[in-house]
Amino acid sequence: MPVHPHAVYKRFVRICRRADLPRIAFHDLRHTCATLLREAGVNVEVVSAMLGHSDIRVTLAVYSHVQPGMLEGAADAMAKVLAG
């Protein structure tokens, strides 16, 4: 059975209010999900597929910003390569 988008949003607002969370746009959940997956090291092709992007370039253009910890991970990976 189809669900009306406004009903989903109203429910989301109620959940945030009960949890004493700041009000954010529902679409921000998508951005948060993609960012957390990338921070966890999930391959960008997998994230792109989960988001339903037709091309990985879309995912990279929107979600390729560097988060704290990602630079350190890259530096550690390079150190292992050079050491070994």
C-alpha atoms as a PDB file:
ATOM      1  CA  MET A   1       0.000   0.000   0.000  1.00  0.00           C
ATOM      2  CA  PRO A   2       1.482   3.380  -0.995  1.00  0.00           C
ATOM      3  CA  VAL A   3       2.331   5.833   1.756  1.00  0.00           C
ATOM      4  CA  HIS A   4       1.912   9.557   1.241  1.00  0.00           C
ATOM      5  CA  PRO A   5       5.258  11.407   1.604  1.00  0.00           C
ATOM      6  CA  HIS A   6       3.710  14.030   3.879  1.00  0.00           C
ATOM      7  CA  ALA A   7       2.573  11.321   6.308  1.00  0.00           C
ATOM      8  CA  VAL A   8       6.116   9.939   6.441  1.00  0.00           C
ATOM      9  CA  TYR A   9       7.509  13.401   7.112  1.00  0.00           C
ATOM     10  CA  LYS A  10       4.981  14.105   9.879  1.00  0.00           C
ATOM     11  CA  ARG A  11       5.910  10.823  11.547  1.00  0.00           C
ATOM     12  CA  PHE A  12       9.602  11.670  11.220  1.00  0.00           C
ATOM     13  CA  VAL A  13       9.038  15.065  12.875  1.00  0.00           C
ATOM     14  CA  ARG A  14       7.201  13.406  15.781  1.00  0.00           C
ATOM     15  CA  ILE A  15       9.989  10.876  16.277  1.00  0.00           C
ATOM     16  CA  CYS A  16      12.611  13.634  16.319  1.00  0.00           C
ATOM     17  CA  ARG A  17      10.558  15.674  18.773  1.00  0.00           C
ATOM     18  CA  ARG A  18      10.130  12.702  21.146  1.00  0.00           C
ATOM     19  CA  ALA A  19      13.849  11.987  20.975  1.00  0.00           C
ATOM     20  CA  ASP A  20      14.607  15.667  21.681  1.00  0.00           C
ATOM     21  CA  LEU A  21      16.544  15.934  18.427  1.00  0.00           C
ATOM     22  CA  PRO A  22      16.870  19.114  16.400  1.00  0.00           C
ATOM     23  CA  ARG A  23      14.523  19.472  13.464  1.00  0.00           C
ATOM     24  CA  ILE A  24      16.233  18.521  10.216  1.00  0.00           C
ATOM     25  CA  ALA A  25      15.038  17.940   6.705  1.00  0.00           C
ATOM     26  CA  PHE A  26      14.001  14.350   6.047  1.00  0.00           C
ATOM     27  CA  HIS A  27      16.324  14.257   3.042  1.00  0.00           C
ATOM     28  CA  ASP A  28      19.263  14.964   5.382  1.00  0.00           C
ATOM     29  CA  LEU A  29      18.938  11.341   6.536  1.00  0.00           C
ATOM     30  CA  ARG A  30      20.031  10.234   3.091  1.00  0.00           C
ATOM     31  CA  HIS A  31      23.098  12.450   3.240  1.00  0.00           C
ATOM     32  CA  THR A  32      23.913  11.236   6.752  1.00  0.00           C
ATOM     33  CA  CYS A  33      23.562   7.615   5.680  1.00  0.00           C
ATOM     34  CA  ALA A  34      25.882   8.074   2.706  1.00  0.00           C
ATOM     35  CA  THR A  35      28.449   9.961   4.767  1.00  0.00           C
ATOM     36  CA  LEU A  36      28.478   7.361   7.559  1.00  0.00           C
ATOM     37  CA  LEU A  37      28.827   4.529   5.062  1.00  0.00           C
ATOM     38  CA  ARG A  38      31.757   6.257   3.362  1.00  0.00           C
ATOM     39  CA  GLU A  39      33.400   6.953   6.746  1.00  0.00           C
ATOM     40  CA  ALA A  40      33.016   3.256   7.560  1.00  0.00           C
ATOM     41  CA  GLY A  41      34.966   2.427   4.428  1.00  0.00           C
ATOM     42  CA  VAL A  42      32.069   1.109   2.363  1.00  0.00           C
ATOM     43  CA  ASN A  43      32.998   1.104  -1.302  1.00  0.00           C
ATOM     44  CA  VAL A  44      31.582   4.111  -3.144  1.00  0.00           C
ATOM     45  CA  GLU A  45      30.053   1.812  -5.776  1.00  0.00           C
ATOM     46  CA  VAL A  46      28.027   0.088  -3.055  1.00  0.00           C
ATOM     47  CA  VAL A  47      26.909   3.422  -1.591  1.00  0.00           C
ATOM     48  CA  SER A  48      25.957   4.598  -5.079  1.00  0.00           C
ATOM     49  CA  ALA A  49      23.836   1.486  -5.628  1.00  0.00           C
ATOM     50  CA  MET A  50      22.119   1.895  -2.250  1.00  0.00           C
ATOM     51  CA  LEU A  51      21.254   5.502  -3.070  1.00  0.00           C
ATOM     52  CA  GLY A  52      19.927   4.505  -6.476  1.00  0.00           C
ATOM     53  CA  HIS A  53      22.306   6.723  -8.416  1.00  0.00           C
ATOM     54  CA  SER A  54      22.544   5.809 -12.089  1.00  0.00           C
ATOM     55  CA  ASP A  55      26.220   6.745 -12.184  1.00  0.00           C
ATOM     56  CA  ILE A  56      28.941   6.588  -9.549  1.00  0.00           C
ATOM     57  CA  ARG A  57      30.008  10.114 -10.561  1.00  0.00           C
ATOM     58  CA  VAL A  58      26.818  11.478  -9.025  1.00  0.00           C
ATOM     59  CA  THR A  59      27.675   9.854  -5.709  1.00  0.00           C
ATOM     60  CA  LEU A  60      31.240  11.107  -5.817  1.00  0.00           C
ATOM     61  CA  ALA A  61      30.149  14.637  -6.695  1.00  0.00           C
ATOM     62  CA  VAL A  62      27.707  14.849  -3.789  1.00  0.00           C
ATOM     63  CA  TYR A  63      29.296  12.683  -1.099  1.00  0.00           C
ATOM     64  CA  SER A  64      33.040  12.832  -1.697  1.00  0.00           C
ATOM     65  CA  HIS A  65      33.883  15.416   0.958  1.00  0.00           C
ATOM     66  CA  VAL A  66      36.630  14.389   3.356  1.00  0.00           C
ATOM     67  CA  GLN A  67      35.568  13.645   6.923  1.00  0.00           C
ATOM     68  CA  PRO A  68      37.783  13.667  10.008  1.00  0.00           C
ATOM     69  CA  GLY A  69      39.437  10.292  10.298  1.00  0.00           C
ATOM     70  CA  MET A  70      39.427   9.617   6.565  1.00  0.00           C
ATOM     71  CA  LEU A  71      42.734  11.416   6.084  1.00  0.00           C
ATOM     72  CA  GLU A  72      44.288   9.480   8.937  1.00  0.00           C
ATOM     73  CA  GLY A  73      43.017   6.226   7.440  1.00  0.00           C
ATOM     74  CA  ALA A  74      44.533   7.115   4.088  1.00  0.00           C
ATOM     75  CA  ALA A  75      47.828   8.049   5.733  1.00  0.00           C
ATOM     76  CA  ASP A  76      47.879   4.740   7.647  1.00  0.00           C
ATOM     77  CA  ALA A  77      47.162   2.803   4.463  1.00  0.00           C
ATOM     78  CA  MET A  78      49.998   4.581   2.637  1.00  0.00           C
ATOM     79  CA  ALA A  79      52.386   3.918   5.539  1.00  0.00           C
ATOM     80  CA  LYS A  80      51.566   0.193   5.352  1.00  0.00           C
ATOM     81  CA  VAL A  81      52.144   0.145   1.598  1.00  0.00           C
ATOM     82  CA  LEU A  82      55.487   1.932   1.912  1.00  0.00           C
ATOM     83  CA  ALA A  83      56.620  -0.201   4.833  1.00  0.00           C
ATOM     84  CA  GLY A  84      55.923  -3.377   3.172  1.00  0.00           C
END
